[in-house]
C-alpha cells in the first residue's frame, strides 16, 4: 500500500521543493526561478515568521508534490483567508491521492487557524485542475484578476498614458 506523508519544507529538504517548483514551471510553460529567485524562495520559506508556508507531499518517502500558501485577510468576514498559491504533483504520480492529501491538508490548516475561507486561482486551460477543484467542493467565482508587475509595479510607467 502507498504511504502518503506531508512534511514542512526545511533546510534539509529545500532542494527537493525547489526542484518540484521547476517541474511546475515546465508544466505551465514558464521560465524556472533563476539562482537569485531560488535563494529568495529559500529565505522566505525559512524566515521567522515565514512569508509563505511550503510542504512536500511524499509517496513512500519520495517527494512527488508540494503546496505553498500564505494568509490574507477578509474585512467582510473579519477573519483570515488561506490563499493556496501552488499545488503541484508530478504528472507520473497523479491519481494516487497525493493532490487530494495536500489539498485536504490546506483545508485543515485553514480551519485550525480560524480562517473564514480558502481561495486559489487556476489557469483557464488547466481542465484537469478545474475538475479536481470542483470535485473537492471548490466554487468558481466570476471575478477578473488584475496584476501589476515590472515597471507598472514600481510606478515608473504610467498605465493611463501607456508610457
N, C-alpha and C. Protein backbone atom coordinates (compact mmCIF):
# COMPACT_ATOMS: atom_id res chain seq x y z
N UNK A 1 0.83 -1.18 0.00
CA UNK A 1 0.00 0.00 0.00
C UNK A 1 0.88 1.25 0.00
N UNK A 2 0.46 2.28 -0.73
CA UNK A 2 1.19 3.53 -0.85
C UNK A 2 1.02 4.36 0.41
N UNK A 3 2.15 4.84 0.93
CA UNK A 3 2.09 5.72 2.09
C UNK A 3 2.35 7.15 1.64
N UNK A 4 1.36 8.04 1.88
CA UNK A 4 1.49 9.45 1.55
C UNK A 4 1.74 10.20 2.85
N UNK A 5 2.81 10.99 2.86
CA UNK A 5 3.11 11.83 4.02
C UNK A 5 3.29 13.27 3.56
N UNK A 6 3.08 14.19 4.48
CA UNK A 6 3.24 15.61 4.19
C UNK A 6 4.19 16.18 5.23
N UNK A 7 5.20 16.90 4.77
CA UNK A 7 6.18 17.48 5.70
C UNK A 7 6.51 18.90 5.30
N UNK A 8 6.78 19.72 6.28
CA UNK A 8 7.13 21.12 6.08
C UNK A 8 8.47 21.22 5.38
N UNK A 9 8.58 22.15 4.46
CA UNK A 9 9.86 22.40 3.81
C UNK A 9 10.81 23.02 4.82
N UNK A 10 12.02 22.50 4.86
CA UNK A 10 13.03 22.98 5.80
C UNK A 10 14.38 23.02 5.08
N UNK A 11 15.42 23.36 5.81
CA UNK A 11 16.75 23.46 5.22
C UNK A 11 17.17 22.15 4.56
N UNK A 12 16.87 21.04 5.19
CA UNK A 12 17.32 19.75 4.70
C UNK A 12 16.60 19.25 3.46
N UNK A 13 15.35 19.70 3.23
CA UNK A 13 14.61 19.20 2.07
C UNK A 13 14.29 20.30 1.05
N UNK A 14 14.82 21.51 1.27
CA UNK A 14 14.50 22.61 0.37
C UNK A 14 14.84 22.29 -1.08
N UNK A 15 15.95 21.63 -1.32
CA UNK A 15 16.35 21.33 -2.71
C UNK A 15 15.29 20.49 -3.42
N UNK A 16 14.63 19.59 -2.71
CA UNK A 16 13.56 18.79 -3.32
C UNK A 16 12.38 19.67 -3.71
N UNK A 17 12.03 20.60 -2.81
CA UNK A 17 10.96 21.55 -3.08
C UNK A 17 11.29 22.40 -4.30
N UNK A 18 12.49 22.98 -4.34
CA UNK A 18 12.89 23.85 -5.45
C UNK A 18 12.89 23.09 -6.77
N UNK A 19 13.29 21.83 -6.75
CA UNK A 19 13.26 21.02 -7.97
C UNK A 19 11.82 20.82 -8.45
N UNK A 20 10.89 20.63 -7.52
CA UNK A 20 9.48 20.48 -7.90
C UNK A 20 8.90 21.78 -8.43
N UNK A 21 9.33 22.91 -7.87
CA UNK A 21 8.89 24.21 -8.40
C UNK A 21 9.30 24.30 -9.87
N UNK A 22 10.51 23.89 -10.18
CA UNK A 22 10.96 23.91 -11.57
C UNK A 22 10.12 22.99 -12.45
N UNK A 23 9.71 21.87 -11.92
CA UNK A 23 8.84 20.96 -12.69
C UNK A 23 7.48 21.61 -12.96
N UNK A 24 6.96 22.40 -12.00
CA UNK A 24 5.71 23.12 -12.24
C UNK A 24 5.90 24.16 -13.34
N UNK A 25 7.03 24.86 -13.34
CA UNK A 25 7.25 25.85 -14.41
C UNK A 25 7.29 25.17 -15.77
N UNK A 26 7.85 23.97 -15.84
CA UNK A 26 7.83 23.21 -17.10
C UNK A 26 6.39 22.93 -17.53
N UNK A 27 5.58 22.47 -16.58
CA UNK A 27 4.19 22.13 -16.86
C UNK A 27 3.41 23.34 -17.36
N UNK A 28 3.69 24.52 -16.78
CA UNK A 28 2.96 25.74 -17.14
C UNK A 28 3.66 26.53 -18.25
N UNK A 29 4.74 25.98 -18.83
CA UNK A 29 5.47 26.62 -19.92
C UNK A 29 6.01 27.99 -19.51
N UNK A 30 6.59 28.05 -18.31
CA UNK A 30 7.18 29.27 -17.77
C UNK A 30 8.68 29.07 -17.58
N UNK A 31 9.39 30.16 -17.39
CA UNK A 31 10.81 30.06 -17.07
C UNK A 31 10.96 29.70 -15.59
N UNK A 32 11.92 28.83 -15.26
CA UNK A 32 12.12 28.47 -13.85
C UNK A 32 12.76 29.63 -13.09
N UNK A 33 12.67 29.59 -11.76
CA UNK A 33 13.34 30.63 -10.97
C UNK A 33 14.84 30.61 -11.22
N UNK A 34 15.42 31.79 -11.37
CA UNK A 34 16.88 31.86 -11.51
C UNK A 34 17.50 31.67 -10.12
N UNK A 35 18.81 31.72 -10.05
CA UNK A 35 19.50 31.46 -8.78
C UNK A 35 19.08 32.44 -7.69
N UNK A 36 18.91 33.71 -8.04
CA UNK A 36 18.51 34.71 -7.04
C UNK A 36 17.09 34.45 -6.55
N UNK A 37 16.19 34.11 -7.46
CA UNK A 37 14.81 33.82 -7.06
C UNK A 37 14.75 32.55 -6.21
N UNK A 38 15.54 31.56 -6.57
CA UNK A 38 15.58 30.32 -5.78
C UNK A 38 16.05 30.61 -4.35
N UNK A 39 17.02 31.50 -4.22
CA UNK A 39 17.50 31.88 -2.88
C UNK A 39 16.42 32.64 -2.11
N UNK A 40 15.69 33.53 -2.78
CA UNK A 40 14.58 34.22 -2.11
C UNK A 40 13.51 33.23 -1.66
N UNK A 41 13.22 32.24 -2.49
CA UNK A 41 12.27 31.20 -2.09
C UNK A 41 12.71 30.53 -0.79
N UNK A 42 14.00 30.21 -0.71
CA UNK A 42 14.54 29.55 0.47
C UNK A 42 14.44 30.46 1.69
N UNK A 43 14.94 31.67 1.56
CA UNK A 43 14.95 32.61 2.69
C UNK A 43 13.52 32.89 3.17
N UNK A 44 12.60 33.14 2.23
CA UNK A 44 11.23 33.50 2.61
C UNK A 44 10.46 32.33 3.25
N UNK A 45 10.74 31.12 2.82
CA UNK A 45 10.07 29.95 3.41
C UNK A 45 10.60 29.65 4.80
N UNK A 46 11.89 29.91 5.02
CA UNK A 46 12.52 29.55 6.28
C UNK A 46 12.61 30.71 7.26
N UNK A 47 12.12 31.89 6.86
CA UNK A 47 12.15 33.07 7.74
C UNK A 47 11.25 32.82 8.95
N UNK A 48 11.46 33.65 9.96
CA UNK A 48 10.61 33.56 11.16
C UNK A 48 10.03 34.94 11.45
N UNK A 49 8.77 35.18 11.19
CA UNK A 49 7.80 34.23 10.63
C UNK A 49 8.01 34.08 9.12
N UNK A 50 7.59 32.96 8.57
CA UNK A 50 7.76 32.74 7.13
C UNK A 50 6.85 33.66 6.32
N UNK A 51 7.32 34.04 5.14
CA UNK A 51 6.48 34.84 4.24
C UNK A 51 5.44 33.96 3.55
N UNK A 52 5.74 32.69 3.44
CA UNK A 52 4.80 31.70 2.93
C UNK A 52 5.16 30.36 3.54
N UNK A 53 4.22 29.43 3.52
CA UNK A 53 4.49 28.09 4.02
C UNK A 53 4.54 27.13 2.85
N UNK A 54 5.43 26.17 2.91
CA UNK A 54 5.61 25.18 1.86
C UNK A 54 5.70 23.80 2.49
N UNK A 55 5.04 22.85 1.85
CA UNK A 55 5.00 21.46 2.33
C UNK A 55 5.20 20.52 1.16
N UNK A 56 5.96 19.47 1.41
CA UNK A 56 6.17 18.43 0.42
C UNK A 56 5.18 17.29 0.64
N UNK A 57 4.69 16.75 -0.46
CA UNK A 57 3.91 15.51 -0.43
C UNK A 57 4.83 14.39 -0.86
N UNK A 58 4.92 13.36 -0.04
CA UNK A 58 5.80 12.23 -0.33
C UNK A 58 4.99 10.95 -0.51
N UNK A 59 5.43 10.15 -1.45
CA UNK A 59 4.89 8.80 -1.64
C UNK A 59 6.02 7.84 -1.35
N UNK A 60 5.83 7.02 -0.34
CA UNK A 60 6.86 6.06 0.07
C UNK A 60 8.21 6.74 0.24
N UNK A 61 8.20 7.95 0.80
CA UNK A 61 9.41 8.69 1.11
C UNK A 61 9.93 9.59 0.00
N UNK A 62 9.42 9.47 -1.21
CA UNK A 62 9.90 10.27 -2.35
C UNK A 62 9.04 11.52 -2.51
N UNK A 63 9.67 12.71 -2.62
CA UNK A 63 8.94 13.96 -2.82
C UNK A 63 8.36 13.96 -4.24
N UNK A 64 7.01 14.00 -4.32
CA UNK A 64 6.34 13.95 -5.63
C UNK A 64 5.40 15.14 -5.84
N UNK A 65 5.26 16.00 -4.85
CA UNK A 65 4.37 17.14 -4.99
C UNK A 65 4.60 18.12 -3.86
N UNK A 66 3.94 19.27 -3.97
CA UNK A 66 4.07 20.28 -2.93
C UNK A 66 2.88 21.22 -2.94
N UNK A 67 2.75 21.94 -1.84
CA UNK A 67 1.80 23.05 -1.73
C UNK A 67 2.53 24.25 -1.14
N UNK A 68 2.09 25.43 -1.54
CA UNK A 68 2.54 26.66 -0.90
C UNK A 68 1.30 27.49 -0.62
N UNK A 69 1.29 28.16 0.52
CA UNK A 69 0.18 29.04 0.84
C UNK A 69 0.63 30.13 1.78
N UNK A 70 -0.21 31.15 1.89
CA UNK A 70 0.02 32.25 2.82
C UNK A 70 -1.36 32.75 3.23
N UNK A 71 -1.37 33.75 4.09
CA UNK A 71 -2.65 34.24 4.62
C UNK A 71 -2.89 35.67 4.21
N UNK A 72 -4.12 35.94 3.82
CA UNK A 72 -4.60 37.29 3.58
C UNK A 72 -5.69 37.54 4.62
N UNK A 73 -6.44 38.61 4.46
CA UNK A 73 -7.46 38.92 5.46
C UNK A 73 -8.73 39.41 4.79
N UNK A 74 -9.85 38.88 5.20
CA UNK A 74 -11.15 39.31 4.71
C UNK A 74 -11.75 40.32 5.67
N UNK A 75 -11.90 41.55 5.22
CA UNK A 75 -12.55 42.56 6.07
C UNK A 75 -14.03 42.27 6.21
N UNK A 76 -14.64 41.64 5.21
CA UNK A 76 -16.07 41.33 5.28
C UNK A 76 -16.36 40.25 6.31
N UNK A 77 -15.48 39.25 6.38
CA UNK A 77 -15.66 38.18 7.36
C UNK A 77 -14.96 38.49 8.68
N UNK A 78 -14.05 39.45 8.64
CA UNK A 78 -13.20 39.77 9.80
C UNK A 78 -12.47 38.51 10.28
N UNK A 79 -11.92 37.79 9.29
CA UNK A 79 -11.16 36.57 9.56
C UNK A 79 -10.08 36.41 8.49
N UNK A 80 -9.04 35.66 8.81
CA UNK A 80 -8.02 35.40 7.80
C UNK A 80 -8.54 34.49 6.69
N UNK A 81 -7.86 34.55 5.55
CA UNK A 81 -8.12 33.69 4.40
C UNK A 81 -6.84 32.94 4.09
N UNK A 82 -6.91 31.64 3.95
CA UNK A 82 -5.76 30.88 3.47
C UNK A 82 -5.76 30.99 1.96
N UNK A 83 -4.68 31.52 1.39
CA UNK A 83 -4.55 31.61 -0.06
C UNK A 83 -3.59 30.54 -0.53
N UNK A 84 -4.11 29.58 -1.27
CA UNK A 84 -3.33 28.48 -1.82
C UNK A 84 -2.65 28.98 -3.10
N UNK A 85 -1.36 29.19 -3.03
CA UNK A 85 -0.61 29.72 -4.17
C UNK A 85 -0.30 28.62 -5.18
N UNK A 86 0.27 27.51 -4.72
CA UNK A 86 0.61 26.41 -5.62
C UNK A 86 0.20 25.09 -5.01
N UNK A 87 -0.30 24.23 -5.85
CA UNK A 87 -0.43 22.81 -5.53
C UNK A 87 0.02 22.08 -6.79
N UNK A 88 0.98 21.19 -6.63
CA UNK A 88 1.55 20.53 -7.79
C UNK A 88 1.93 19.11 -7.42
N UNK A 89 1.62 18.20 -8.33
CA UNK A 89 2.03 16.80 -8.21
C UNK A 89 2.62 16.39 -9.56
N UNK A 90 3.75 15.71 -9.51
CA UNK A 90 4.37 15.23 -10.75
C UNK A 90 3.34 14.47 -11.59
N UNK A 91 3.38 14.71 -12.89
CA UNK A 91 2.39 14.08 -13.77
C UNK A 91 2.34 12.56 -13.62
N UNK A 92 3.51 11.95 -13.50
CA UNK A 92 3.55 10.49 -13.41
C UNK A 92 3.04 9.96 -12.07
N UNK A 93 2.82 10.85 -11.11
CA UNK A 93 2.34 10.44 -9.78
C UNK A 93 0.87 10.81 -9.54
N UNK A 94 0.26 11.45 -10.50
CA UNK A 94 -1.14 11.87 -10.33
C UNK A 94 -2.06 10.66 -10.30
N UNK A 95 -3.17 10.81 -9.60
CA UNK A 95 -4.14 9.72 -9.48
C UNK A 95 -3.87 8.80 -8.30
N UNK A 96 -2.88 9.10 -7.50
CA UNK A 96 -2.53 8.26 -6.35
C UNK A 96 -3.00 8.85 -5.03
N UNK A 97 -3.66 10.02 -5.10
CA UNK A 97 -4.19 10.63 -3.88
C UNK A 97 -3.31 11.69 -3.26
N UNK A 98 -2.17 12.01 -3.87
CA UNK A 98 -1.26 13.00 -3.30
C UNK A 98 -1.88 14.39 -3.35
N UNK A 99 -2.41 14.77 -4.50
CA UNK A 99 -3.04 16.08 -4.64
C UNK A 99 -4.19 16.25 -3.65
N UNK A 100 -4.99 15.24 -3.51
CA UNK A 100 -6.11 15.28 -2.56
C UNK A 100 -5.59 15.44 -1.13
N UNK A 101 -4.54 14.70 -0.80
CA UNK A 101 -3.98 14.79 0.55
C UNK A 101 -3.43 16.20 0.82
N UNK A 102 -2.74 16.78 -0.16
CA UNK A 102 -2.21 18.13 0.00
C UNK A 102 -3.33 19.16 0.13
N UNK A 103 -4.36 19.02 -0.71
CA UNK A 103 -5.50 19.94 -0.66
C UNK A 103 -6.22 19.84 0.68
N UNK A 104 -6.44 18.63 1.15
CA UNK A 104 -7.11 18.44 2.44
C UNK A 104 -6.25 18.97 3.59
N UNK A 105 -4.94 18.87 3.45
CA UNK A 105 -4.06 19.44 4.46
C UNK A 105 -4.29 20.95 4.56
N UNK A 106 -4.35 21.62 3.40
CA UNK A 106 -4.64 23.06 3.39
C UNK A 106 -5.98 23.36 4.04
N UNK A 107 -6.98 22.57 3.71
CA UNK A 107 -8.32 22.77 4.28
C UNK A 107 -8.26 22.68 5.81
N UNK A 108 -7.52 21.69 6.31
CA UNK A 108 -7.40 21.54 7.77
C UNK A 108 -6.66 22.71 8.40
N UNK A 109 -5.58 23.16 7.76
CA UNK A 109 -4.83 24.31 8.27
C UNK A 109 -5.75 25.52 8.34
N UNK A 110 -6.51 25.76 7.28
CA UNK A 110 -7.43 26.91 7.25
C UNK A 110 -8.41 26.83 8.42
N UNK A 111 -8.97 25.67 8.65
CA UNK A 111 -9.89 25.51 9.77
C UNK A 111 -9.22 25.67 11.12
N UNK A 112 -8.06 25.05 11.27
CA UNK A 112 -7.33 25.12 12.54
C UNK A 112 -6.89 26.54 12.89
N UNK A 113 -6.64 27.36 11.87
CA UNK A 113 -6.16 28.72 12.11
C UNK A 113 -7.28 29.76 12.05
N UNK A 114 -8.51 29.30 12.07
CA UNK A 114 -9.64 30.22 12.16
C UNK A 114 -9.96 30.99 10.90
N UNK A 115 -9.60 30.46 9.77
CA UNK A 115 -9.88 31.16 8.51
C UNK A 115 -11.37 31.13 8.19
N UNK A 116 -11.82 32.18 7.53
CA UNK A 116 -13.19 32.24 7.07
C UNK A 116 -13.37 31.61 5.71
N UNK A 117 -12.25 31.44 4.98
CA UNK A 117 -12.32 30.83 3.66
C UNK A 117 -10.91 30.47 3.18
N UNK A 118 -10.90 29.73 2.10
CA UNK A 118 -9.67 29.33 1.42
C UNK A 118 -9.88 29.68 -0.05
N UNK A 119 -8.89 30.30 -0.66
CA UNK A 119 -9.02 30.71 -2.05
C UNK A 119 -7.78 30.32 -2.85
N UNK A 120 -7.96 30.25 -4.17
CA UNK A 120 -6.87 29.95 -5.08
C UNK A 120 -7.30 30.34 -6.48
N UNK A 121 -6.36 30.33 -7.41
CA UNK A 121 -6.63 30.57 -8.82
C UNK A 121 -6.22 29.33 -9.60
N UNK A 122 -6.83 29.17 -10.76
CA UNK A 122 -6.44 28.09 -11.66
C UNK A 122 -6.44 28.65 -13.09
N UNK A 123 -5.46 28.26 -13.86
CA UNK A 123 -5.39 28.68 -15.25
C UNK A 123 -6.58 28.13 -16.02
N UNK A 124 -7.15 28.92 -16.90
CA UNK A 124 -8.36 28.51 -17.61
C UNK A 124 -8.14 27.29 -18.49
N UNK A 125 -6.93 27.05 -18.94
CA UNK A 125 -6.65 25.91 -19.80
C UNK A 125 -6.40 24.62 -19.02
N UNK A 126 -6.26 24.72 -17.70
CA UNK A 126 -5.90 23.55 -16.89
C UNK A 126 -7.15 22.77 -16.47
N UNK A 127 -7.76 22.12 -17.44
CA UNK A 127 -9.01 21.38 -17.19
C UNK A 127 -8.87 20.29 -16.13
N UNK A 128 -7.76 19.53 -16.08
CA UNK A 128 -7.65 18.53 -15.01
C UNK A 128 -7.71 19.17 -13.62
N UNK A 129 -7.05 20.33 -13.45
CA UNK A 129 -7.07 21.00 -12.15
C UNK A 129 -8.47 21.52 -11.85
N UNK A 130 -9.15 22.08 -12.85
CA UNK A 130 -10.51 22.59 -12.64
C UNK A 130 -11.42 21.46 -12.18
N UNK A 131 -11.35 20.31 -12.83
CA UNK A 131 -12.18 19.16 -12.42
C UNK A 131 -11.83 18.72 -11.00
N UNK A 132 -10.53 18.69 -10.68
CA UNK A 132 -10.09 18.31 -9.34
C UNK A 132 -10.70 19.24 -8.29
N UNK A 133 -10.56 20.57 -8.50
CA UNK A 133 -11.06 21.53 -7.53
C UNK A 133 -12.58 21.45 -7.37
N UNK A 134 -13.28 21.23 -8.46
CA UNK A 134 -14.74 21.12 -8.37
C UNK A 134 -15.14 19.85 -7.63
N UNK A 135 -14.39 18.76 -7.82
CA UNK A 135 -14.66 17.53 -7.05
C UNK A 135 -14.42 17.75 -5.56
N UNK A 136 -13.49 18.64 -5.23
CA UNK A 136 -13.18 18.94 -3.83
C UNK A 136 -14.14 19.96 -3.22
N UNK A 137 -15.11 20.43 -3.98
CA UNK A 137 -16.09 21.38 -3.47
C UNK A 137 -15.80 22.82 -3.81
N UNK A 138 -14.76 23.07 -4.61
CA UNK A 138 -14.42 24.43 -4.99
C UNK A 138 -15.49 25.04 -5.86
N UNK A 139 -15.71 26.33 -5.68
CA UNK A 139 -16.71 27.07 -6.44
C UNK A 139 -16.00 28.12 -7.29
N UNK A 140 -16.29 28.11 -8.59
CA UNK A 140 -15.70 29.09 -9.50
C UNK A 140 -16.39 30.44 -9.29
N UNK A 141 -15.59 31.48 -9.13
CA UNK A 141 -16.12 32.83 -8.93
C UNK A 141 -15.99 33.64 -10.23
N UNK A 142 -16.88 34.57 -10.42
CA UNK A 142 -16.82 35.45 -11.58
C UNK A 142 -16.13 36.75 -11.22
N UNK A 143 -14.83 36.68 -11.11
CA UNK A 143 -14.00 37.84 -10.79
C UNK A 143 -12.98 38.00 -11.90
N UNK A 144 -12.57 39.20 -12.14
CA UNK A 144 -11.46 39.46 -13.05
C UNK A 144 -10.20 39.63 -12.20
N UNK A 145 -9.14 39.00 -12.61
CA UNK A 145 -7.88 39.09 -11.89
C UNK A 145 -7.01 40.14 -12.58
N UNK A 146 -6.49 41.05 -11.80
CA UNK A 146 -5.60 42.08 -12.31
C UNK A 146 -4.23 41.90 -11.68
N UNK A 147 -3.21 42.37 -12.40
CA UNK A 147 -1.85 42.23 -11.89
C UNK A 147 -1.03 43.46 -12.30
N UNK A 148 -0.18 43.88 -11.40
CA UNK A 148 0.85 44.86 -11.71
C UNK A 148 2.19 44.16 -11.54
N UNK A 149 3.08 44.34 -12.51
CA UNK A 149 4.43 43.82 -12.34
C UNK A 149 5.39 44.69 -13.13
N UNK A 150 6.65 44.42 -12.99
CA UNK A 150 7.67 45.18 -13.71
C UNK A 150 7.56 46.67 -13.47
N UNK A 151 7.62 47.43 -14.56
CA UNK A 151 7.57 48.88 -14.47
C UNK A 151 6.24 49.38 -13.91
N UNK A 152 5.17 48.68 -14.19
CA UNK A 152 3.87 49.10 -13.66
C UNK A 152 3.82 48.99 -12.14
N UNK A 153 4.49 48.02 -11.58
CA UNK A 153 4.51 47.85 -10.13
C UNK A 153 5.31 48.95 -9.46
N UNK A 154 6.39 49.34 -10.06
CA UNK A 154 7.25 50.35 -9.46
C UNK A 154 6.74 51.76 -9.70
N UNK A 155 5.75 51.91 -10.57
CA UNK A 155 5.20 53.23 -10.86
C UNK A 155 6.03 54.02 -11.85
N UNK A 156 7.00 53.38 -12.47
CA UNK A 156 7.85 54.08 -13.44
C UNK A 156 7.18 54.22 -14.80
N UNK A 157 6.09 53.50 -14.98
CA UNK A 157 5.36 53.57 -16.23
C UNK A 157 3.93 53.98 -15.91
N UNK A 158 3.42 54.95 -16.56
CA UNK A 158 2.06 55.41 -16.32
C UNK A 158 1.10 54.55 -17.11
N UNK A 159 0.21 53.82 -16.40
CA UNK A 159 -0.76 52.95 -17.08
C UNK A 159 -1.71 53.78 -17.92
N UNK A 160 -2.07 54.98 -17.48
CA UNK A 160 -3.02 55.82 -18.21
C UNK A 160 -2.42 56.31 -19.52
N UNK A 161 -1.16 56.67 -19.52
CA UNK A 161 -0.56 57.23 -20.73
C UNK A 161 0.07 56.16 -21.60
N UNK A 162 0.30 54.97 -21.03
CA UNK A 162 0.92 53.90 -21.79
C UNK A 162 2.41 54.08 -21.97
N UNK A 163 3.00 55.00 -21.20
CA UNK A 163 4.44 55.23 -21.32
C UNK A 163 5.16 54.86 -20.07
